[in-house]
Structure formats: structure tokens, C-alpha cells
Amino acid sequence: MGSDDSNLKRIEIAERLKRARELSGLSQAQVASKLDVQRPAISEIEAGRRKVSAEELVQFSKLYKVDSSWLLGEDEDSELAKGKLKFAARELSKMSEEDKNKLFEILNILPK
């Protein structure tokens, strides 16, 4: 793989790591603490300026509860859908019953 290909792949992985972190509802500082690294390292990884080792990729995968193949760009559709569903379920669980009922009313109004 050429240098340009390597850079594109690193940026793709960086974007997926950032998206997975955001869908997990974690801040860069929280991730850094859980992985025992400095917060700037997470920022550098998510910006594509720092490579991610295989061991780190496994740690991210476990922390974000996503398949490492999705982080690598190999299984986009199914893992992204699962990530969105997990995010929705996590946010829904934080809502009061009254707010859940309002949300369901809104969803019923939307076109199918």
C-alpha cells in the first residue's frame, strides 16, 4: 500500500473512532482515562495524525462495543446500524416516562 493509501486509511479509521466514541457518549478525556493514555493522544488519533496499533484498536473496539472490522472500514452498514441503535437505546433509557411518551407520539406522526 502506498503512502497516500496509508494516509487515507488512517484518516478513515480516525473518523470511525471519533464516530464510535461520540455514539458511545464518551468524551476524549473519558476514553483517555479508560485506556490509560493522555487525552491529546486520543485527539491525535481522531485527527488521523497518530497511527493506531493493533492492541489499541482492540481496546477501542471493546470500549465502544463495536466490531474492529467496522473500525477498519470492512463492515460499514451493519455495524453502523447497530451503533445507531445502541446509541438510541442508551439515550432512550435516560429519558423520563413522560418524555418517552412524547417521543413516541412524535414518531407516530412522522411518515412511514
PDB file of N, CA and C in Angstrom:
ATOM      1  N   MET A   1       0.845  -1.177   0.000  1.00  0.00           N
ATOM      2  CA  MET A   1       0.000   0.000   0.000  1.00  0.00           C
ATOM      3  C   MET A   1       0.887   1.234   0.000  1.00  0.00           C
ATOM      4  N   GLY A   2       0.582   2.185  -0.875  1.00  0.00           N
ATOM      5  CA  GLY A   2       1.381   3.391  -0.976  1.00  0.00           C
ATOM      6  C   GLY A   2       1.147   4.338   0.173  1.00  0.00           C
ATOM      7  N   SER A   3       1.970   5.379   0.230  1.00  0.00           N
ATOM      8  CA  SER A   3       1.874   6.361   1.303  1.00  0.00           C
ATOM      9  C   SER A   3       0.516   7.056   1.316  1.00  0.00           C
ATOM     10  N   ASP A   4       0.007   7.423   0.119  1.00  0.00           N
ATOM     11  CA  ASP A   4      -1.299   8.074   0.047  1.00  0.00           C
ATOM     12  C   ASP A   4      -2.402   7.142   0.526  1.00  0.00           C
ATOM     13  N   ASP A   5      -2.310   5.874   0.133  1.00  0.00           N
ATOM     14  CA  ASP A   5      -3.298   4.893   0.579  1.00  0.00           C
ATOM     15  C   ASP A   5      -3.250   4.724   2.102  1.00  0.00           C
ATOM     16  N   SER A   6      -2.058   4.704   2.658  1.00  0.00           N
ATOM     17  CA  SER A   6      -1.899   4.561   4.109  1.00  0.00           C
ATOM     18  C   SER A   6      -2.512   5.742   4.835  1.00  0.00           C
ATOM     19  N   ASN A   7      -2.267   6.934   4.316  1.00  0.00           N
ATOM     20  CA  ASN A   7      -2.823   8.135   4.934  1.00  0.00           C
ATOM     21  C   ASN A   7      -4.345   8.144   4.858  1.00  0.00           C
ATOM     22  N   LEU A   8      -4.901   7.745   3.708  1.00  0.00           N
ATOM     23  CA  LEU A   8      -6.359   7.693   3.565  1.00  0.00           C
ATOM     24  C   LEU A   8      -6.960   6.680   4.521  1.00  0.00           C
ATOM     25  N   LYS A   9      -6.327   5.539   4.661  1.00  0.00           N
ATOM     26  CA  LYS A   9      -6.820   4.506   5.571  1.00  0.00           C
ATOM     27  C   LYS A   9      -6.763   4.988   7.011  1.00  0.00           C
ATOM     28  N   ARG A  10      -5.657   5.654   7.378  1.00  0.00           N
ATOM     29  CA  ARG A  10      -5.522   6.179   8.744  1.00  0.00           C
ATOM     30  C   ARG A  10      -6.607   7.204   9.030  1.00  0.00           C
ATOM     31  N   ILE A  11      -6.915   8.062   8.059  1.00  0.00           N
ATOM     32  CA  ILE A  11      -7.966   9.071   8.237  1.00  0.00           C
ATOM     33  C   ILE A  11      -9.333   8.401   8.350  1.00  0.00           C
ATOM     34  N   GLU A  12      -9.580   7.370   7.553  1.00  0.00           N
ATOM     35  CA  GLU A  12     -10.850   6.643   7.634  1.00  0.00           C
ATOM     36  C   GLU A  12     -11.019   5.999   9.014  1.00  0.00           C
ATOM     37  N   ILE A  13      -9.971   5.372   9.506  1.00  0.00           N
ATOM     38  CA  ILE A  13     -10.017   4.758  10.832  1.00  0.00           C
ATOM     39  C   ILE A  13     -10.222   5.835  11.899  1.00  0.00           C
ATOM     40  N   ALA A  14      -9.539   6.947  11.756  1.00  0.00           N
ATOM     41  CA  ALA A  14      -9.672   8.056  12.707  1.00  0.00           C
ATOM     42  C   ALA A  14     -11.114   8.550  12.774  1.00  0.00           C
ATOM     43  N   GLU A  15     -11.731   8.708  11.614  1.00  0.00           N
ATOM     44  CA  GLU A  15     -13.117   9.185  11.573  1.00  0.00           C
ATOM     45  C   GLU A  15     -14.061   8.183  12.229  1.00  0.00           C
ATOM     46  N   ARG A  16     -13.822   6.911  12.002  1.00  0.00           N
ATOM     47  CA  ARG A  16     -14.675   5.875  12.599  1.00  0.00           C
ATOM     48  C   ARG A  16     -14.481   5.824  14.110  1.00  0.00           C
ATOM     49  N   LEU A  17     -13.248   5.986  14.565  1.00  0.00           N
ATOM     50  CA  LEU A  17     -13.002   6.010  16.004  1.00  0.00           C
ATOM     51  C   LEU A  17     -13.723   7.184  16.655  1.00  0.00           C
ATOM     52  N   LYS A  18     -13.676   8.337  16.014  1.00  0.00           N
ATOM     53  CA  LYS A  18     -14.364   9.501  16.566  1.00  0.00           C
ATOM     54  C   LYS A  18     -15.871   9.265  16.582  1.00  0.00           C
ATOM     55  N   ARG A  19     -16.411   8.743  15.488  1.00  0.00           N
ATOM     56  CA  ARG A  19     -17.849   8.484  15.404  1.00  0.00           C
ATOM     57  C   ARG A  19     -18.273   7.471  16.468  1.00  0.00           C
ATOM     58  N   ALA A  20     -17.490   6.421  16.642  1.00  0.00           N
ATOM     59  CA  ALA A  20     -17.810   5.395  17.645  1.00  0.00           C
ATOM     60  C   ALA A  20     -17.767   5.983  19.048  1.00  0.00           C
ATOM     61  N   ARG A  21     -16.784   6.845  19.305  1.00  0.00           N
ATOM     62  CA  ARG A  21     -16.694   7.484  20.631  1.00  0.00           C
ATOM     63  C   ARG A  21     -17.918   8.342  20.877  1.00  0.00           C
ATOM     64  N   GLU A  22     -18.293   9.147  19.890  1.00  0.00           N
ATOM     65  CA  GLU A  22     -19.448  10.022  20.044  1.00  0.00           C
ATOM     66  C   GLU A  22     -20.731   9.209  20.236  1.00  0.00           C
ATOM     67  N   LEU A  23     -20.895   8.134  19.469  1.00  0.00           N
ATOM     68  CA  LEU A  23     -22.073   7.282  19.624  1.00  0.00           C
ATOM     69  C   LEU A  23     -22.087   6.584  20.975  1.00  0.00           C
ATOM     70  N   SER A  24     -20.911   6.398  21.550  1.00  0.00           N
ATOM     71  CA  SER A  24     -20.817   5.786  22.875  1.00  0.00           C
ATOM     72  C   SER A  24     -21.095   6.792  23.979  1.00  0.00           C
ATOM     73  N   GLY A  25     -21.153   8.058  23.614  1.00  0.00           N
ATOM     74  CA  GLY A  25     -21.430   9.097  24.600  1.00  0.00           C
ATOM     75  C   GLY A  25     -20.265   9.418  25.506  1.00  0.00           C
ATOM     76  N   LEU A  26     -19.057   9.149  25.029  1.00  0.00           N
ATOM     77  CA  LEU A  26     -17.861   9.391  25.832  1.00  0.00           C
ATOM     78  C   LEU A  26     -17.087  10.599  25.319  1.00  0.00           C
ATOM     79  N   SER A  27     -16.447  11.301  26.228  1.00  0.00           N
ATOM     80  CA  SER A  27     -15.562  12.394  25.845  1.00  0.00           C
ATOM     81  C   SER A  27     -14.171  11.833  25.578  1.00  0.00           C
ATOM     82  N   GLN A  28     -13.328  12.625  24.937  1.00  0.00           N
ATOM     83  CA  GLN A  28     -11.947  12.196  24.721  1.00  0.00           C
ATOM     84  C   GLN A  28     -11.245  11.957  26.053  1.00  0.00           C
ATOM     85  N   ALA A  29     -11.543  12.798  27.041  1.00  0.00           N
ATOM     86  CA  ALA A  29     -10.912  12.640  28.355  1.00  0.00           C
ATOM     87  C   ALA A  29     -11.339  11.333  29.014  1.00  0.00           C
ATOM     88  N   GLN A  30     -12.600  10.971  28.883  1.00  0.00           N
ATOM     89  CA  GLN A  30     -13.079   9.714  29.462  1.00  0.00           C
ATOM     90  C   GLN A  30     -12.408   8.516  28.798  1.00  0.00           C
ATOM     91  N   VAL A  31     -12.296   8.572  27.472  1.00  0.00           N
ATOM     92  CA  VAL A  31     -11.649   7.480  26.744  1.00  0.00           C
ATOM     93  C   VAL A  31     -10.188   7.377  27.156  1.00  0.00           C
ATOM     94  N   ALA A  32      -9.509   8.508  27.222  1.00  0.00           N
ATOM     95  CA  ALA A  32      -8.099   8.513  27.615  1.00  0.00           C
ATOM     96  C   ALA A  32      -7.926   7.883  28.995  1.00  0.00           C
ATOM     97  N   SER A  33      -8.799   8.230  29.915  1.00  0.00           N
ATOM     98  CA  SER A  33      -8.722   7.685  31.264  1.00  0.00           C
ATOM     99  C   SER A  33      -8.931   6.174  31.259  1.00  0.00           C
ATOM    100  N   LYS A  34      -9.932   5.705  30.509  1.00  0.00           N
ATOM    101  CA  LYS A  34     -10.235   4.270  30.467  1.00  0.00           C
ATOM    102  C   LYS A  34      -9.126   3.467  29.788  1.00  0.00           C
ATOM    103  N   LEU A  35      -8.447   4.080  28.819  1.00  0.00           N
ATOM    104  CA  LEU A  35      -7.387   3.378  28.096  1.00  0.00           C
ATOM    105  C   LEU A  35      -5.997   3.672  28.660  1.00  0.00           C
ATOM    106  N   ASP A  36      -5.962   4.508  29.705  1.00  0.00           N
ATOM    107  CA  ASP A  36      -4.710   4.860  30.374  1.00  0.00           C
ATOM    108  C   ASP A  36      -3.704   5.515  29.423  1.00  0.00           C
ATOM    109  N   VAL A  37      -4.212   6.492  28.663  1.00  0.00           N
ATOM    110  CA  VAL A  37      -3.350   7.312  27.805  1.00  0.00           C
ATOM    111  C   VAL A  37      -3.691   8.776  28.058  1.00  0.00           C
ATOM    112  N   GLN A  38      -2.876   9.660  27.552  1.00  0.00           N
ATOM    113  CA  GLN A  38      -3.137  11.087  27.696  1.00  0.00           C
ATOM    114  C   GLN A  38      -4.229  11.515  26.715  1.00  0.00           C
ATOM    115  N   ARG A  39      -5.058  12.495  27.091  1.00  0.00           N
ATOM    116  CA  ARG A  39      -6.130  12.952  26.229  1.00  0.00           C
ATOM    117  C   ARG A  39      -5.628  13.436  24.875  1.00  0.00           C
ATOM    118  N   PRO A  40      -4.504  14.141  24.802  1.00  0.00           N
ATOM    119  CA  PRO A  40      -4.017  14.559  23.479  1.00  0.00           C
ATOM    120  C   PRO A  40      -3.756  13.386  22.529  1.00  0.00           C
ATOM    121  N   ALA A  41      -3.440  12.221  23.073  1.00  0.00           N
ATOM    122  CA  ALA A  41      -3.223  11.044  22.216  1.00  0.00           C
ATOM    123  C   ALA A  41      -4.522  10.674  21.510  1.00  0.00           C
ATOM    124  N   ILE A  42      -5.643  10.751  22.215  1.00  0.00           N
ATOM    125  CA  ILE A  42      -6.944  10.448  21.611  1.00  0.00           C
ATOM    126  C   ILE A  42      -7.253  11.480  20.534  1.00  0.00           C
ATOM    127  N   SER A  43      -6.967  12.732  20.819  1.00  0.00           N
ATOM    128  CA  SER A  43      -7.180  13.803  19.843  1.00  0.00           C
ATOM    129  C   SER A  43      -6.340  13.586  18.587  1.00  0.00           C
ATOM    130  N   GLU A  44      -5.093  13.218  18.767  1.00  0.00           N
ATOM    131  CA  GLU A  44      -4.197  12.961  17.640  1.00  0.00           C
ATOM    132  C   GLU A  44      -4.671  11.774  16.807  1.00  0.00           C
ATOM    133  N   ILE A  45      -5.135  10.723  17.490  1.00  0.00           N
ATOM    134  CA  ILE A  45      -5.644   9.537  16.785  1.00  0.00           C
ATOM    135  C   ILE A  45      -6.878   9.917  15.974  1.00  0.00           C
ATOM    136  N   GLU A  46      -7.817  10.638  16.601  1.00  0.00           N
ATOM    137  CA  GLU A  46      -9.061  11.003  15.924  1.00  0.00           C
ATOM    138  C   GLU A  46      -8.841  12.000  14.789  1.00  0.00           C
ATOM    139  N   ALA A  47      -7.750  12.718  14.832  1.00  0.00           N
ATOM    140  CA  ALA A  47      -7.423  13.659  13.761  1.00  0.00           C
ATOM    141  C   ALA A  47      -6.641  12.973  12.642  1.00  0.00           C
ATOM    142  N   GLY A  48      -6.254  11.722  12.863  1.00  0.00           N
ATOM    143  CA  GLY A  48      -5.506  10.983  11.858  1.00  0.00           C
ATOM    144  C   GLY A  48      -4.024  11.312  11.826  1.00  0.00           C
ATOM    145  N   ARG A  49      -3.537  11.986  12.855  1.00  0.00           N
ATOM    146  CA  ARG A  49      -2.126  12.361  12.901  1.00  0.00           C
ATOM    147  C   ARG A  49      -1.272  11.328  13.631  1.00  0.00           C
ATOM    148  N   ARG A  50      -1.929  10.378  14.282  1.00  0.00           N
ATOM    149  CA  ARG A  50      -1.202   9.330  15.012  1.00  0.00           C
ATOM    150  C   ARG A  50      -1.772   7.979  14.607  1.00  0.00           C
ATOM    151  N   LYS A  51      -0.872   7.053  14.322  1.00  0.00           N
ATOM    152  CA  LYS A  51      -1.290   5.701  13.959  1.00  0.00           C
ATOM    153  C   LYS A  51      -1.840   4.980  15.182  1.00  0.00           C
ATOM    154  N   VAL A  52      -2.699   4.008  14.929  1.00  0.00           N
ATOM    155  CA  VAL A  52      -3.282   3.196  15.991  1.00  0.00           C
ATOM    156  C   VAL A  52      -2.704   1.791  15.877  1.00  0.00           C
ATOM    157  N   SER A  53      -2.195   1.278  16.983  1.00  0.00           N
ATOM    158  CA  SER A  53      -1.653  -0.080  16.970  1.00  0.00           C
ATOM    159  C   SER A  53      -2.804  -1.087  16.996  1.00  0.00           C
ATOM    160  N   ALA A  54      -2.487  -2.315  16.683  1.00  0.00           N
ATOM    161  CA  ALA A  54      -3.493  -3.382  16.714  1.00  0.00           C
ATOM    162  C   ALA A  54      -4.061  -3.544  18.123  1.00  0.00           C
ATOM    163  N   GLU A  55      -3.201  -3.444  19.120  1.00  0.00           N
ATOM    164  CA  GLU A  55      -3.656  -3.572  20.509  1.00  0.00           C
ATOM    165  C   GLU A  55      -4.607  -2.444  20.877  1.00  0.00           C
ATOM    166  N   GLU A  56      -4.286  -1.221  20.447  1.00  0.00           N
ATOM    167  CA  GLU A  56      -5.162  -0.085  20.725  1.00  0.00           C
ATOM    168  C   GLU A  56      -6.497  -0.250  20.012  1.00  0.00           C
ATOM    169  N   LEU A  57      -6.453  -0.745  18.801  1.00  0.00           N
ATOM    170  CA  LEU A  57      -7.680  -0.957  18.036  1.00  0.00           C
ATOM    171  C   LEU A  57      -8.615  -1.930  18.768  1.00  0.00           C
ATOM    172  N   VAL A  58      -8.042  -2.966  19.325  1.00  0.00           N
ATOM    173  CA  VAL A  58      -8.832  -3.931  20.098  1.00  0.00           C
ATOM    174  C   VAL A  58      -9.425  -3.254  21.338  1.00  0.00           C
ATOM    175  N   GLN A  59      -8.634  -2.430  22.012  1.00  0.00           N
ATOM    176  CA  GLN A  59      -9.131  -1.710  23.187  1.00  0.00           C
ATOM    177  C   GLN A  59     -10.284  -0.776  22.818  1.00  0.00           C
ATOM    178  N   PHE A  60     -10.119  -0.031  21.728  1.00  0.00           N
ATOM    179  CA  PHE A  60     -11.194   0.858  21.279  1.00  0.00           C
ATOM    180  C   PHE A  60     -12.447   0.055  20.950  1.00  0.00           C
ATOM    181  N   SER A  61     -12.262  -1.042  20.266  1.00  0.00           N
ATOM    182  CA  SER A  61     -13.381  -1.894  19.863  1.00  0.00           C
ATOM    183  C   SER A  61     -14.170  -2.365  21.080  1.00  0.00           C
ATOM    184  N   LYS A  62     -13.473  -2.809  22.100  1.00  0.00           N
ATOM    185  CA  LYS A  62     -14.133  -3.276  23.329  1.00  0.00           C
ATOM    186  C   LYS A  62     -14.810  -2.120  24.060  1.00  0.00           C
ATOM    187  N   LEU A  63     -14.127  -1.001  24.161  1.00  0.00           N
ATOM    188  CA  LEU A  63     -14.670   0.150  24.876  1.00  0.00           C
ATOM    189  C   LEU A  63     -15.935   0.682  24.203  1.00  0.00           C
ATOM    190  N   TYR A  64     -15.906   0.777  22.880  1.00  0.00           N
ATOM    191  CA  TYR A  64     -17.044   1.334  22.138  1.00  0.00           C
ATOM    192  C   TYR A  64     -18.091   0.276  21.791  1.00  0.00           C
ATOM    193  N   LYS A  65     -17.764  -0.990  22.086  1.00  0.00           N
ATOM    194  CA  LYS A  65     -18.673  -2.102  21.793  1.00  0.00           C
ATOM    195  C   LYS A  65     -19.044  -2.158  20.309  1.00  0.00           C
ATOM    196  N   VAL A  66     -18.022  -2.031  19.476  1.00  0.00           N
ATOM    197  CA  VAL A  66     -18.185  -2.176  18.031  1.00  0.00           C
ATOM    198  C   VAL A  66     -17.165  -3.199  17.550  1.00  0.00           C
ATOM    199  N   ASP A  67     -17.449  -3.782  16.418  1.00  0.00           N
ATOM    200  CA  ASP A  67     -16.539  -4.766  15.847  1.00  0.00           C
ATOM    201  C   ASP A  67     -15.319  -4.048  15.277  1.00  0.00           C
ATOM    202  N   SER A  68     -14.157  -4.613  15.491  1.00  0.00           N
ATOM    203  CA  SER A  68     -12.936  -3.990  14.977  1.00  0.00           C
ATOM    204  C   SER A  68     -12.955  -3.921  13.450  1.00  0.00           C
ATOM    205  N   SER A  69     -13.675  -4.836  12.792  1.00  0.00           N
ATOM    206  CA  SER A  69     -13.762  -4.777  11.327  1.00  0.00           C
ATOM    207  C   SER A  69     -14.476  -3.509  10.873  1.00  0.00           C
ATOM    208  N   TRP A  70     -15.440  -3.036  11.670  1.00  0.00           N
ATOM    209  CA  TRP A  70     -16.101  -1.774  11.314  1.00  0.00           C
ATOM    210  C   TRP A  70     -15.128  -0.619  11.475  1.00  0.00           C
ATOM    211  N   LEU A  71     -14.342  -0.625  12.567  1.00  0.00           N
ATOM    212  CA  LEU A  71     -13.364   0.439  12.771  1.00  0.00           C
ATOM    213  C   LEU A  71     -12.365   0.490  11.622  1.00  0.00           C
ATOM    214  N   LEU A  72     -12.082  -0.672  11.046  1.00  0.00           N
ATOM    215  CA  LEU A  72     -11.140  -0.753   9.923  1.00  0.00           C
ATOM    216  C   LEU A  72     -11.802  -0.470   8.579  1.00  0.00           C
ATOM    217  N   GLY A  73     -13.119  -0.266   8.581  1.00  0.00           N
ATOM    218  CA  GLY A  73     -13.817   0.057   7.341  1.00  0.00           C
ATOM    219  C   GLY A  73     -14.215  -1.144   6.526  1.00  0.00           C
ATOM    220  N   GLU A  74     -14.285  -2.313   7.165  1.00  0.00           N
ATOM    221  CA  GLU A  74     -14.574  -3.535   6.428  1.00  0.00           C
ATOM    222  C   GLU A  74     -16.032  -3.963   6.493  1.00  0.00           C
ATOM    223  N   ASP A  75     -16.828  -3.412   7.416  1.00  0.00           N
ATOM    224  CA  ASP A  75     -18.211  -3.838   7.604  1.00  0.00           C
ATOM    225  C   ASP A  75     -19.059  -2.639   7.985  1.00  0.00           C
ATOM    226  N   GLU A  76     -19.174  -1.692   7.100  1.00  0.00           N
ATOM    227  CA  GLU A  76     -19.766  -0.407   7.428  1.00  0.00           C
ATOM    228  C   GLU A  76     -21.248  -0.456   7.777  1.00  0.00           C
ATOM    229  N   ASP A  77     -22.071  -1.016   6.939  1.00  0.00           N
ATOM    230  CA  ASP A  77     -23.509  -0.884   7.099  1.00  0.00           C
ATOM    231  C   ASP A  77     -24.059  -1.523   8.365  1.00  0.00           C
ATOM    232  N   SER A  78     -23.749  -2.781   8.594  1.00  0.00           N
ATOM    233  CA  SER A  78     -24.361  -3.460   9.735  1.00  0.00           C
ATOM    234  C   SER A  78     -23.858  -2.906  11.066  1.00  0.00           C
ATOM    235  N   GLU A  79     -22.586  -2.619  11.183  1.00  0.00           N
ATOM    236  CA  GLU A  79     -22.060  -2.105  12.446  1.00  0.00           C
ATOM    237  C   GLU A  79     -22.527  -0.684  12.711  1.00  0.00           C
ATOM    238  N   LEU A  80     -22.628   0.133  11.671  1.00  0.00           N
ATOM    239  CA  LEU A  80     -23.112   1.493  11.859  1.00  0.00           C
ATOM    240  C   LEU A  80     -24.553   1.467  12.334  1.00  0.00           C
ATOM    241  N   ALA A  81     -25.363   0.613  11.736  1.00  0.00           N
ATOM    242  CA  ALA A  81     -26.759   0.487  12.146  1.00  0.00           C
ATOM    243  C   ALA A  81     -26.849   0.027  13.595  1.00  0.00           C
ATOM    244  N   LYS A  82     -26.028  -0.958  13.971  1.00  0.00           N
ATOM    245  CA  LYS A  82     -26.023  -1.430  15.352  1.00  0.00           C
ATOM    246  C   LYS A  82     -25.593  -0.310  16.298  1.00  0.00           C
ATOM    247  N   GLY A  83     -24.599   0.459  15.889  1.00  0.00           N
ATOM    248  CA  GLY A  83     -24.124   1.567  16.719  1.00  0.00           C
ATOM    249  C   GLY A  83     -25.197   2.612  16.925  1.00  0.00           C
ATOM    250  N   LYS A  84     -25.936   2.923  15.874  1.00  0.00           N
ATOM    251  CA  LYS A  84     -27.020   3.895  15.992  1.00  0.00           C
ATOM    252  C   LYS A  84     -28.118   3.371  16.903  1.00  0.00           C
ATOM    253  N   LEU A  85     -28.430   2.094  16.780  1.00  0.00           N
ATOM    254  CA  LEU A  85     -29.461   1.510  17.642  1.00  0.00           C
ATOM    255  C   LEU A  85     -29.020   1.511  19.104  1.00  0.00           C
ATOM    256  N   LYS A  86     -27.774   1.186  19.344  1.00  0.00           N
ATOM    257  CA  LYS A  86     -27.268   1.204  20.718  1.00  0.00           C
ATOM    258  C   LYS A  86     -27.311   2.614  21.293  1.00  0.00           C
ATOM    259  N   PHE A  87     -26.923   3.586  20.474  1.00  0.00           N
ATOM    260  CA  PHE A  87     -26.957   4.973  20.912  1.00  0.00           C
ATOM    261  C   PHE A  87     -28.387   5.384  21.246  1.00  0.00           C
ATOM    262  N   ALA A  88     -29.341   5.051  20.356  1.00  0.00           N
ATOM    263  CA  ALA A  88     -30.743   5.403  20.576  1.00  0.00           C
ATOM    264  C   ALA A  88     -31.268   4.746  21.850  1.00  0.00           C
ATOM    265  N   ALA A  89     -30.940   3.487  22.043  1.00  0.00           N
ATOM    266  CA  ALA A  89     -31.398   2.779  23.243  1.00  0.00           C
ATOM    267  C   ALA A  89     -30.808   3.400  24.505  1.00  0.00           C
ATOM    268  N   ARG A  90     -29.532   3.756  24.443  1.00  0.00           N
ATOM    269  CA  ARG A  90     -28.871   4.369  25.603  1.00  0.00           C
ATOM    270  C   ARG A  90     -29.516   5.712  25.944  1.00  0.00           C
ATOM    271  N   GLU A  91     -29.781   6.523  24.924  1.00  0.00           N
ATOM    272  CA  GLU A  91     -30.406   7.820  25.160  1.00  0.00           C
ATOM    273  C   GLU A  91     -31.839   7.663  25.637  1.00  0.00           C
ATOM    274  N   LEU A  92     -32.564   6.712  25.086  1.00  0.00           N
ATOM    275  CA  LEU A  92     -33.945   6.455  25.486  1.00  0.00           C
ATOM    276  C   LEU A  92     -34.013   6.038  26.951  1.00  0.00           C
ATOM    277  N   SER A  93     -33.042   5.247  27.393  1.00  0.00           N
ATOM    278  CA  SER A  93     -33.047   4.782  28.779  1.00  0.00           C
ATOM    279  C   SER A  93     -32.836   5.924  29.768  1.00  0.00           C
ATOM    280  N   LYS A  94     -32.285   7.037  29.323  1.00  0.00           N
ATOM    281  CA  LYS A  94     -32.041   8.188  30.192  1.00  0.00           C
ATOM    282  C   LYS A  94     -33.272   9.079  30.335  1.00  0.00           C
ATOM    283  N   MET A  95     -34.271   8.867  29.477  1.00  0.00           N
ATOM    284  CA  MET A  95     -35.427   9.753  29.437  1.00  0.00           C
ATOM    285  C   MET A  95     -36.476   9.348  30.479  1.00  0.00           C
ATOM    286  N   SER A  96     -37.235  10.350  30.931  1.00  0.00           N
ATOM    287  CA  SER A  96     -38.347  10.075  31.830  1.00  0.00           C
ATOM    288  C   SER A  96     -39.470   9.410  31.038  1.00  0.00           C
ATOM    289  N   GLU A  97     -40.394   8.774  31.739  1.00  0.00           N
ATOM    290  CA  GLU A  97     -41.529   8.126  31.074  1.00  0.00           C
ATOM    291  C   GLU A  97     -42.347   9.144  30.285  1.00  0.00           C
ATOM    292  N   GLU A  98     -42.509  10.317  30.860  1.00  0.00           N
ATOM    293  CA  GLU A  98     -43.273  11.371  30.184  1.00  0.00           C
ATOM    294  C   GLU A  98     -42.602  11.767  28.868  1.00  0.00           C
ATOM    295  N   ASP A  99     -41.290  11.938  28.903  1.00  0.00           N
ATOM    296  CA  ASP A  99     -40.561  12.301  27.686  1.00  0.00           C
ATOM    297  C   ASP A  99     -40.574  11.173  26.655  1.00  0.00           C
ATOM    298  N   LYS A 100     -40.491   9.932  27.125  1.00  0.00           N
ATOM    299  CA  LYS A 100     -40.582   8.787  26.209  1.00  0.00           C
ATOM    300  C   LYS A 100     -41.924   8.785  25.498  1.00  0.00           C
ATOM    301  N   ASN A 101     -43.000   9.025  26.253  1.00  0.00           N
ATOM    302  CA  ASN A 101     -44.336   9.041  25.649  1.00  0.00           C
ATOM    303  C   ASN A 101     -44.453  10.153  24.609  1.00  0.00           C
ATOM    304  N   LYS A 102     -43.888  11.321  24.904  1.00  0.00           N
ATOM    305  CA  LYS A 102     -43.905  12.425  23.945  1.00  0.00           C
ATOM    306  C   LYS A 102     -43.136  12.039  22.678  1.00  0.00           C
ATOM    307  N   LEU A 103     -41.995  11.406  22.864  1.00  0.00           N
ATOM    308  CA  LEU A 103     -41.183  10.982  21.722  1.00  0.00           C
ATOM    309  C   LEU A 103     -41.939   9.981  20.860  1.00  0.00           C
ATOM    310  N   PHE A 104     -42.590   9.030  21.492  1.00  0.00           N
ATOM    311  CA  PHE A 104     -43.346   8.026  20.733  1.00  0.00           C
ATOM    312  C   PHE A 104     -44.509   8.677  19.976  1.00  0.00           C
ATOM    313  N   GLU A 105     -45.123   9.693  20.571  1.00  0.00           N
ATOM    314  CA  GLU A 105     -46.191  10.416  19.874  1.00  0.00           C
ATOM    315  C   GLU A 105     -45.637  11.091  18.620  1.00  0.00           C
ATOM    316  N   ILE A 106     -44.484  11.709  18.753  1.00  0.00           N
ATOM    317  CA  ILE A 106     -43.847  12.369  17.613  1.00  0.00           C
ATOM    318  C   ILE A 106     -43.506  11.352  16.531  1.00  0.00           C
ATOM    319  N   LEU A 107     -42.962  10.208  16.934  1.00  0.00           N
ATOM    320  CA  LEU A 107     -42.610   9.166  15.978  1.00  0.00           C
ATOM    321  C   LEU A 107     -43.837   8.653  15.239  1.00  0.00           C
ATOM    322  N   ASN A 108     -44.963   8.576  15.918  1.00  0.00           N
ATOM    323  CA  ASN A 108     -46.200   8.113  15.282  1.00  0.00           C
ATOM    324  C   ASN A 108     -46.697   9.109  14.237  1.00  0.00           C
ATOM    325  N   ILE A 109     -46.358  10.376  14.397  1.00  0.00           N
ATOM    326  CA  ILE A 109     -46.786  11.412  13.470  1.00  0.00           C
ATOM    327  C   ILE A 109     -45.982  11.375  12.172  1.00  0.00           C
ATOM    328  N   LEU A 110     -44.712  10.996  12.303  1.00  0.00           N
ATOM    329  CA  LEU A 110     -43.814  11.001  11.129  1.00  0.00           C
ATOM    330  C   LEU A 110     -44.291  10.029  10.049  1.00  0.00           C
ATOM    331  N   PRO A 111     -44.067  10.392   8.792  1.00  0.00           N
ATOM    332  CA  PRO A 111     -44.473   9.490   7.700  1.00  0.00           C
ATOM    333  C   PRO A 111     -43.668   8.192   7.763  1.00  0.00           C
ATOM    334  N   LYS A 112     -44.309   7.125   7.420  1.00  0.00           N
ATOM    335  CA  LYS A 112     -43.654   5.799   7.464  1.00  0.00           C
ATOM    336  C   LYS A 112     -42.924   5.522   6.167  1.00  0.00           C
TER     337      LYS A 112
END
